Amino acid sequence: MQKSCFFKISVIKKIILIVLGMFVGVANGLFGSGGGMIAVPALKYVSGLNQKNAQATAIAVILPVSIISALVYILGGKYDLMLGVYVGGGAILGAVLGAFVLSKLSNKILSILFCLLMIAGGIKIICS
């Protein structure tokens, strides 16, 4: 595990990260995803993490946020159990594969892939 950079960050940057964290939670709760698209750049540019560490930290941040969002959706009756089981199973396999691939790619290639994913998502939203 990498040493924390938290104690080296100024108070202003910590406040910025908390506010951005709130946006992460809102995006995840409102859209069911998307929090990582906010968390990765925030962790990279505000805290100074490299791409791999920013993405890995964002995943750890998204886990509890996703659990809370899922509970709200389940309690609100907006959850299809069988679809969740099938998609969730595939997602677990994909997560293992993605974490393995993350360790093999350079920060530069990972940054490019992340940017392409964000651009593709933006184009899809604009065109729908």
N, C-alpha and C. Protein backbone atom coordinates (compact mmCIF):
# COMPACT_ATOMS: atom_id res chain seq x y z
N MET A 1 0.85 -1.18 0.00
CA MET A 1 0.00 0.00 0.00
C MET A 1 0.89 1.24 0.00
N GLN A 2 0.50 2.23 -0.77
CA GLN A 2 1.26 3.46 -0.87
C GLN A 2 1.06 4.30 0.39
N LYS A 3 2.10 5.04 0.78
CA LYS A 3 1.97 5.98 1.89
C LYS A 3 0.95 7.05 1.54
N SER A 4 0.19 7.46 2.54
CA SER A 4 -0.84 8.47 2.31
C SER A 4 -0.21 9.83 2.04
N CYS A 5 -0.78 10.54 1.08
CA CYS A 5 -0.35 11.90 0.81
C CYS A 5 -1.25 12.89 1.53
N PHE A 6 -2.24 12.37 2.28
CA PHE A 6 -3.25 13.21 2.92
C PHE A 6 -2.63 14.27 3.83
N PHE A 7 -1.63 13.91 4.60
CA PHE A 7 -1.06 14.85 5.56
C PHE A 7 -0.18 15.91 4.90
N LYS A 8 0.14 15.72 3.62
CA LYS A 8 0.94 16.69 2.90
C LYS A 8 0.07 17.71 2.14
N ILE A 9 -1.24 17.52 2.16
CA ILE A 9 -2.16 18.37 1.41
C ILE A 9 -2.60 19.53 2.29
N SER A 10 -2.68 20.72 1.70
CA SER A 10 -3.10 21.91 2.45
C SER A 10 -4.56 21.79 2.87
N VAL A 11 -4.93 22.61 3.84
CA VAL A 11 -6.32 22.62 4.35
C VAL A 11 -7.28 22.99 3.22
N ILE A 12 -6.91 23.96 2.40
CA ILE A 12 -7.77 24.37 1.28
C ILE A 12 -8.01 23.19 0.33
N LYS A 13 -6.98 22.45 0.00
CA LYS A 13 -7.13 21.31 -0.90
C LYS A 13 -7.98 20.22 -0.24
N LYS A 14 -7.84 20.05 1.08
CA LYS A 14 -8.67 19.07 1.77
C LYS A 14 -10.14 19.46 1.68
N ILE A 15 -10.43 20.75 1.84
CA ILE A 15 -11.81 21.24 1.72
C ILE A 15 -12.32 21.02 0.30
N ILE A 16 -11.48 21.32 -0.69
CA ILE A 16 -11.86 21.09 -2.09
C ILE A 16 -12.17 19.62 -2.32
N LEU A 17 -11.36 18.73 -1.77
CA LEU A 17 -11.59 17.29 -1.94
C LEU A 17 -12.91 16.86 -1.27
N ILE A 18 -13.23 17.45 -0.12
CA ILE A 18 -14.50 17.12 0.54
C ILE A 18 -15.67 17.57 -0.33
N VAL A 19 -15.59 18.78 -0.88
CA VAL A 19 -16.67 19.28 -1.75
C VAL A 19 -16.78 18.42 -3.00
N LEU A 20 -15.65 18.08 -3.61
CA LEU A 20 -15.68 17.21 -4.78
C LEU A 20 -16.22 15.84 -4.41
N GLY A 21 -15.91 15.37 -3.21
CA GLY A 21 -16.46 14.11 -2.72
C GLY A 21 -17.98 14.15 -2.64
N MET A 22 -18.51 15.29 -2.26
CA MET A 22 -19.96 15.44 -2.23
C MET A 22 -20.54 15.31 -3.64
N PHE A 23 -19.86 15.90 -4.63
CA PHE A 23 -20.31 15.75 -6.02
C PHE A 23 -20.23 14.29 -6.46
N VAL A 24 -19.19 13.58 -6.01
CA VAL A 24 -19.05 12.15 -6.31
C VAL A 24 -20.28 11.41 -5.79
N GLY A 25 -20.66 11.67 -4.54
CA GLY A 25 -21.82 11.01 -3.95
C GLY A 25 -23.10 11.36 -4.66
N VAL A 26 -23.29 12.63 -5.01
CA VAL A 26 -24.50 13.04 -5.72
C VAL A 26 -24.58 12.37 -7.09
N ALA A 27 -23.46 12.37 -7.83
CA ALA A 27 -23.45 11.73 -9.16
C ALA A 27 -23.78 10.26 -9.04
N ASN A 28 -23.17 9.59 -8.07
CA ASN A 28 -23.40 8.16 -7.91
C ASN A 28 -24.84 7.88 -7.49
N GLY A 29 -25.36 8.66 -6.57
CA GLY A 29 -26.73 8.46 -6.12
C GLY A 29 -27.76 8.82 -7.17
N LEU A 30 -27.50 9.87 -7.93
CA LEU A 30 -28.45 10.36 -8.92
C LEU A 30 -28.44 9.51 -10.19
N PHE A 31 -27.26 9.18 -10.67
CA PHE A 31 -27.13 8.47 -11.94
C PHE A 31 -26.85 6.99 -11.80
N GLY A 32 -26.53 6.53 -10.60
CA GLY A 32 -26.19 5.13 -10.41
C GLY A 32 -24.74 4.83 -10.76
N SER A 33 -24.03 5.83 -11.22
CA SER A 33 -22.61 5.71 -11.54
C SER A 33 -22.09 7.10 -11.85
N GLY A 34 -20.86 7.17 -12.27
CA GLY A 34 -20.31 8.46 -12.67
C GLY A 34 -19.47 9.14 -11.62
N GLY A 35 -19.56 8.66 -10.39
CA GLY A 35 -18.77 9.27 -9.33
C GLY A 35 -17.27 9.15 -9.57
N GLY A 36 -16.87 8.05 -10.17
CA GLY A 36 -15.45 7.85 -10.46
C GLY A 36 -14.91 8.83 -11.48
N MET A 37 -15.78 9.27 -12.38
CA MET A 37 -15.37 10.26 -13.38
C MET A 37 -15.06 11.60 -12.74
N ILE A 38 -15.61 11.84 -11.57
CA ILE A 38 -15.29 13.05 -10.81
C ILE A 38 -14.13 12.77 -9.87
N ALA A 39 -14.16 11.60 -9.23
CA ALA A 39 -13.15 11.27 -8.21
C ALA A 39 -11.74 11.16 -8.79
N VAL A 40 -11.61 10.53 -9.95
CA VAL A 40 -10.25 10.32 -10.51
C VAL A 40 -9.56 11.65 -10.80
N PRO A 41 -10.17 12.56 -11.56
CA PRO A 41 -9.48 13.84 -11.79
C PRO A 41 -9.25 14.62 -10.49
N ALA A 42 -10.20 14.56 -9.57
CA ALA A 42 -10.03 15.27 -8.29
C ALA A 42 -8.82 14.74 -7.55
N LEU A 43 -8.71 13.43 -7.46
CA LEU A 43 -7.58 12.83 -6.75
C LEU A 43 -6.27 13.08 -7.48
N LYS A 44 -6.34 13.09 -8.79
CA LYS A 44 -5.12 13.30 -9.58
C LYS A 44 -4.63 14.74 -9.50
N TYR A 45 -5.51 15.67 -9.74
CA TYR A 45 -5.08 17.06 -9.85
C TYR A 45 -5.07 17.83 -8.53
N VAL A 46 -5.96 17.50 -7.63
CA VAL A 46 -6.00 18.23 -6.36
C VAL A 46 -5.00 17.64 -5.38
N SER A 47 -4.94 16.31 -5.29
CA SER A 47 -4.03 15.70 -4.32
C SER A 47 -2.68 15.32 -4.90
N GLY A 48 -2.58 15.30 -6.24
CA GLY A 48 -1.30 15.01 -6.87
C GLY A 48 -0.98 13.55 -7.06
N LEU A 49 -1.98 12.67 -6.92
CA LEU A 49 -1.73 11.25 -7.16
C LEU A 49 -1.49 11.00 -8.64
N ASN A 50 -0.72 9.95 -8.94
CA ASN A 50 -0.58 9.57 -10.35
C ASN A 50 -1.85 8.85 -10.80
N GLN A 51 -1.98 8.60 -12.10
CA GLN A 51 -3.21 8.05 -12.66
C GLN A 51 -3.60 6.73 -12.01
N LYS A 52 -2.66 5.80 -11.87
CA LYS A 52 -2.98 4.49 -11.30
C LYS A 52 -3.48 4.63 -9.87
N ASN A 53 -2.78 5.40 -9.06
CA ASN A 53 -3.19 5.56 -7.67
C ASN A 53 -4.50 6.32 -7.54
N ALA A 54 -4.73 7.29 -8.43
CA ALA A 54 -6.00 8.02 -8.41
C ALA A 54 -7.16 7.09 -8.75
N GLN A 55 -6.98 6.24 -9.76
CA GLN A 55 -8.04 5.32 -10.15
C GLN A 55 -8.28 4.28 -9.06
N ALA A 56 -7.21 3.75 -8.47
CA ALA A 56 -7.37 2.75 -7.41
C ALA A 56 -8.04 3.37 -6.18
N THR A 57 -7.66 4.58 -5.82
CA THR A 57 -8.27 5.26 -4.67
C THR A 57 -9.73 5.58 -4.96
N ALA A 58 -10.02 6.01 -6.19
CA ALA A 58 -11.41 6.31 -6.57
C ALA A 58 -12.30 5.08 -6.43
N ILE A 59 -11.77 3.93 -6.80
CA ILE A 59 -12.54 2.69 -6.67
C ILE A 59 -12.88 2.43 -5.20
N ALA A 60 -11.89 2.64 -4.34
CA ALA A 60 -12.13 2.44 -2.90
C ALA A 60 -13.13 3.46 -2.35
N VAL A 61 -13.11 4.67 -2.91
CA VAL A 61 -14.07 5.71 -2.49
C VAL A 61 -15.48 5.35 -2.97
N ILE A 62 -15.58 4.83 -4.17
CA ILE A 62 -16.88 4.54 -4.77
C ILE A 62 -17.57 3.35 -4.09
N LEU A 63 -16.81 2.42 -3.54
CA LEU A 63 -17.44 1.23 -2.93
C LEU A 63 -18.48 1.59 -1.87
N PRO A 64 -18.12 2.32 -0.82
CA PRO A 64 -19.16 2.63 0.18
C PRO A 64 -20.27 3.52 -0.37
N VAL A 65 -19.93 4.41 -1.28
CA VAL A 65 -20.94 5.28 -1.89
C VAL A 65 -21.92 4.43 -2.70
N SER A 66 -21.43 3.46 -3.42
CA SER A 66 -22.29 2.58 -4.22
C SER A 66 -23.17 1.71 -3.32
N ILE A 67 -22.63 1.25 -2.20
CA ILE A 67 -23.42 0.45 -1.28
C ILE A 67 -24.59 1.26 -0.73
N ILE A 68 -24.30 2.49 -0.32
CA ILE A 68 -25.36 3.36 0.20
C ILE A 68 -26.41 3.64 -0.88
N SER A 69 -25.95 3.98 -2.09
CA SER A 69 -26.89 4.25 -3.19
C SER A 69 -27.74 3.02 -3.48
N ALA A 70 -27.10 1.84 -3.50
CA ALA A 70 -27.83 0.60 -3.77
C ALA A 70 -28.90 0.35 -2.71
N LEU A 71 -28.56 0.57 -1.45
CA LEU A 71 -29.54 0.38 -0.38
C LEU A 71 -30.74 1.31 -0.55
N VAL A 72 -30.48 2.55 -0.92
CA VAL A 72 -31.58 3.49 -1.14
C VAL A 72 -32.45 3.02 -2.30
N TYR A 73 -31.83 2.56 -3.38
CA TYR A 73 -32.59 2.06 -4.53
C TYR A 73 -33.39 0.81 -4.16
N ILE A 74 -32.76 -0.13 -3.43
CA ILE A 74 -33.44 -1.37 -3.03
C ILE A 74 -34.63 -1.05 -2.14
N LEU A 75 -34.42 -0.22 -1.12
CA LEU A 75 -35.50 0.14 -0.20
C LEU A 75 -36.61 0.91 -0.92
N GLY A 76 -36.27 1.60 -1.98
CA GLY A 76 -37.27 2.33 -2.76
C GLY A 76 -37.95 1.49 -3.81
N GLY A 77 -37.61 0.18 -3.88
CA GLY A 77 -38.25 -0.73 -4.83
C GLY A 77 -37.81 -0.53 -6.27
N LYS A 78 -36.65 0.01 -6.49
CA LYS A 78 -36.17 0.28 -7.85
C LYS A 78 -35.05 -0.68 -8.27
N TYR A 79 -35.07 -1.87 -7.73
CA TYR A 79 -33.99 -2.82 -7.97
C TYR A 79 -34.55 -4.11 -8.53
N ASP A 80 -34.01 -4.61 -9.62
CA ASP A 80 -34.40 -5.88 -10.21
C ASP A 80 -33.36 -6.92 -9.79
N LEU A 81 -33.73 -7.80 -8.87
CA LEU A 81 -32.79 -8.75 -8.27
C LEU A 81 -32.09 -9.63 -9.30
N MET A 82 -32.84 -10.22 -10.22
CA MET A 82 -32.21 -11.14 -11.19
C MET A 82 -31.26 -10.41 -12.14
N LEU A 83 -31.65 -9.24 -12.60
CA LEU A 83 -30.72 -8.46 -13.44
C LEU A 83 -29.48 -8.10 -12.64
N GLY A 84 -29.68 -7.73 -11.39
CA GLY A 84 -28.55 -7.40 -10.52
C GLY A 84 -27.59 -8.55 -10.33
N VAL A 85 -28.12 -9.76 -10.20
CA VAL A 85 -27.27 -10.95 -10.02
C VAL A 85 -26.44 -11.20 -11.28
N TYR A 86 -27.10 -11.16 -12.44
CA TYR A 86 -26.38 -11.44 -13.68
C TYR A 86 -25.35 -10.36 -14.01
N VAL A 87 -25.78 -9.11 -13.98
CA VAL A 87 -24.85 -8.02 -14.30
C VAL A 87 -23.77 -7.92 -13.23
N GLY A 88 -24.16 -8.10 -11.97
CA GLY A 88 -23.19 -8.05 -10.88
C GLY A 88 -22.13 -9.13 -11.00
N GLY A 89 -22.53 -10.32 -11.40
CA GLY A 89 -21.56 -11.40 -11.60
C GLY A 89 -20.55 -11.05 -12.69
N GLY A 90 -21.05 -10.53 -13.78
CA GLY A 90 -20.15 -10.10 -14.85
C GLY A 90 -19.26 -8.95 -14.41
N ALA A 91 -19.83 -8.04 -13.64
CA ALA A 91 -19.06 -6.89 -13.15
C ALA A 91 -17.93 -7.33 -12.23
N ILE A 92 -18.18 -8.34 -11.41
CA ILE A 92 -17.13 -8.84 -10.52
C ILE A 92 -15.99 -9.42 -11.32
N LEU A 93 -16.32 -10.21 -12.33
CA LEU A 93 -15.26 -10.76 -13.21
C LEU A 93 -14.51 -9.64 -13.92
N GLY A 94 -15.25 -8.64 -14.41
CA GLY A 94 -14.63 -7.50 -15.08
C GLY A 94 -13.74 -6.70 -14.15
N ALA A 95 -14.15 -6.58 -12.89
CA ALA A 95 -13.35 -5.83 -11.92
C ALA A 95 -12.01 -6.51 -11.67
N VAL A 96 -12.02 -7.83 -11.57
CA VAL A 96 -10.77 -8.57 -11.39
C VAL A 96 -9.86 -8.37 -12.60
N LEU A 97 -10.42 -8.50 -13.78
CA LEU A 97 -9.66 -8.31 -15.01
C LEU A 97 -9.13 -6.87 -15.10
N GLY A 98 -10.00 -5.90 -14.82
CA GLY A 98 -9.59 -4.50 -14.88
C GLY A 98 -8.49 -4.16 -13.90
N ALA A 99 -8.58 -4.68 -12.66
CA ALA A 99 -7.53 -4.43 -11.67
C ALA A 99 -6.21 -5.05 -12.10
N PHE A 100 -6.27 -6.22 -12.72
CA PHE A 100 -5.06 -6.85 -13.23
C PHE A 100 -4.44 -6.03 -14.36
N VAL A 101 -5.27 -5.57 -15.29
CA VAL A 101 -4.79 -4.77 -16.43
C VAL A 101 -4.23 -3.44 -15.93
N LEU A 102 -4.88 -2.83 -14.92
CA LEU A 102 -4.41 -1.57 -14.36
C LEU A 102 -2.95 -1.67 -13.93
N SER A 103 -2.59 -2.78 -13.31
CA SER A 103 -1.22 -2.93 -12.82
C SER A 103 -0.21 -3.09 -13.96
N LYS A 104 -0.68 -3.43 -15.14
CA LYS A 104 0.21 -3.66 -16.29
C LYS A 104 0.41 -2.43 -17.18
N LEU A 105 -0.50 -1.47 -17.10
CA LEU A 105 -0.44 -0.31 -18.00
C LEU A 105 0.35 0.83 -17.38
N SER A 106 0.97 1.62 -18.23
CA SER A 106 1.67 2.82 -17.75
C SER A 106 0.65 3.89 -17.39
N ASN A 107 1.08 4.85 -16.58
CA ASN A 107 0.19 5.95 -16.21
C ASN A 107 -0.26 6.73 -17.45
N LYS A 108 0.64 6.90 -18.42
CA LYS A 108 0.31 7.65 -19.63
C LYS A 108 -0.79 6.95 -20.43
N ILE A 109 -0.64 5.66 -20.68
CA ILE A 109 -1.65 4.90 -21.42
C ILE A 109 -2.97 4.91 -20.66
N LEU A 110 -2.90 4.74 -19.34
CA LEU A 110 -4.10 4.74 -18.52
C LEU A 110 -4.81 6.10 -18.59
N SER A 111 -4.06 7.18 -18.56
CA SER A 111 -4.64 8.52 -18.68
C SER A 111 -5.35 8.69 -20.02
N ILE A 112 -4.73 8.21 -21.09
CA ILE A 112 -5.32 8.31 -22.42
C ILE A 112 -6.61 7.50 -22.49
N LEU A 113 -6.59 6.28 -21.98
CA LEU A 113 -7.79 5.44 -21.99
C LEU A 113 -8.91 6.06 -21.17
N PHE A 114 -8.57 6.64 -20.01
CA PHE A 114 -9.56 7.29 -19.16
C PHE A 114 -10.18 8.49 -19.89
N CYS A 115 -9.35 9.28 -20.53
CA CYS A 115 -9.85 10.44 -21.29
C CYS A 115 -10.75 10.00 -22.44
N LEU A 116 -10.37 8.95 -23.15
CA LEU A 116 -11.19 8.45 -24.25
C LEU A 116 -12.55 7.96 -23.74
N LEU A 117 -12.55 7.31 -22.57
CA LEU A 117 -13.79 6.85 -21.98
C LEU A 117 -14.68 8.03 -21.62
N MET A 118 -14.11 9.08 -21.06
CA MET A 118 -14.88 10.26 -20.70
C MET A 118 -15.44 10.95 -21.95
N ILE A 119 -14.64 11.04 -22.99
CA ILE A 119 -15.09 11.66 -24.24
C ILE A 119 -16.22 10.84 -24.85
N ALA A 120 -16.06 9.51 -24.89
CA ALA A 120 -17.11 8.64 -25.43
C ALA A 120 -18.41 8.79 -24.65
N GLY A 121 -18.29 8.87 -23.33
CA GLY A 121 -19.48 9.05 -22.50
C GLY A 121 -20.15 10.39 -22.78
N GLY A 122 -19.36 11.44 -22.94
CA GLY A 122 -19.92 12.76 -23.25
C GLY A 122 -20.62 12.78 -24.60
N ILE A 123 -20.01 12.14 -25.59
CA ILE A 123 -20.63 12.08 -26.93
C ILE A 123 -21.93 11.31 -26.86
N LYS A 124 -21.96 10.20 -26.12
CA LYS A 124 -23.18 9.41 -25.99
C LYS A 124 -24.30 10.22 -25.35
N ILE A 125 -23.96 10.98 -24.33
CA ILE A 125 -24.97 11.80 -23.65
C ILE A 125 -25.51 12.88 -24.61
N ILE A 126 -24.60 13.53 -25.33
CA ILE A 126 -25.02 14.59 -26.27
C ILE A 126 -25.90 14.02 -27.38
N CYS A 127 -25.58 12.83 -27.85
CA CYS A 127 -26.30 12.25 -28.99
C CYS A 127 -27.58 11.52 -28.60
N SER A 128 -27.83 11.36 -27.29
CA SER A 128 -29.06 10.62 -26.93
C SER A 128 -30.21 11.53 -26.60
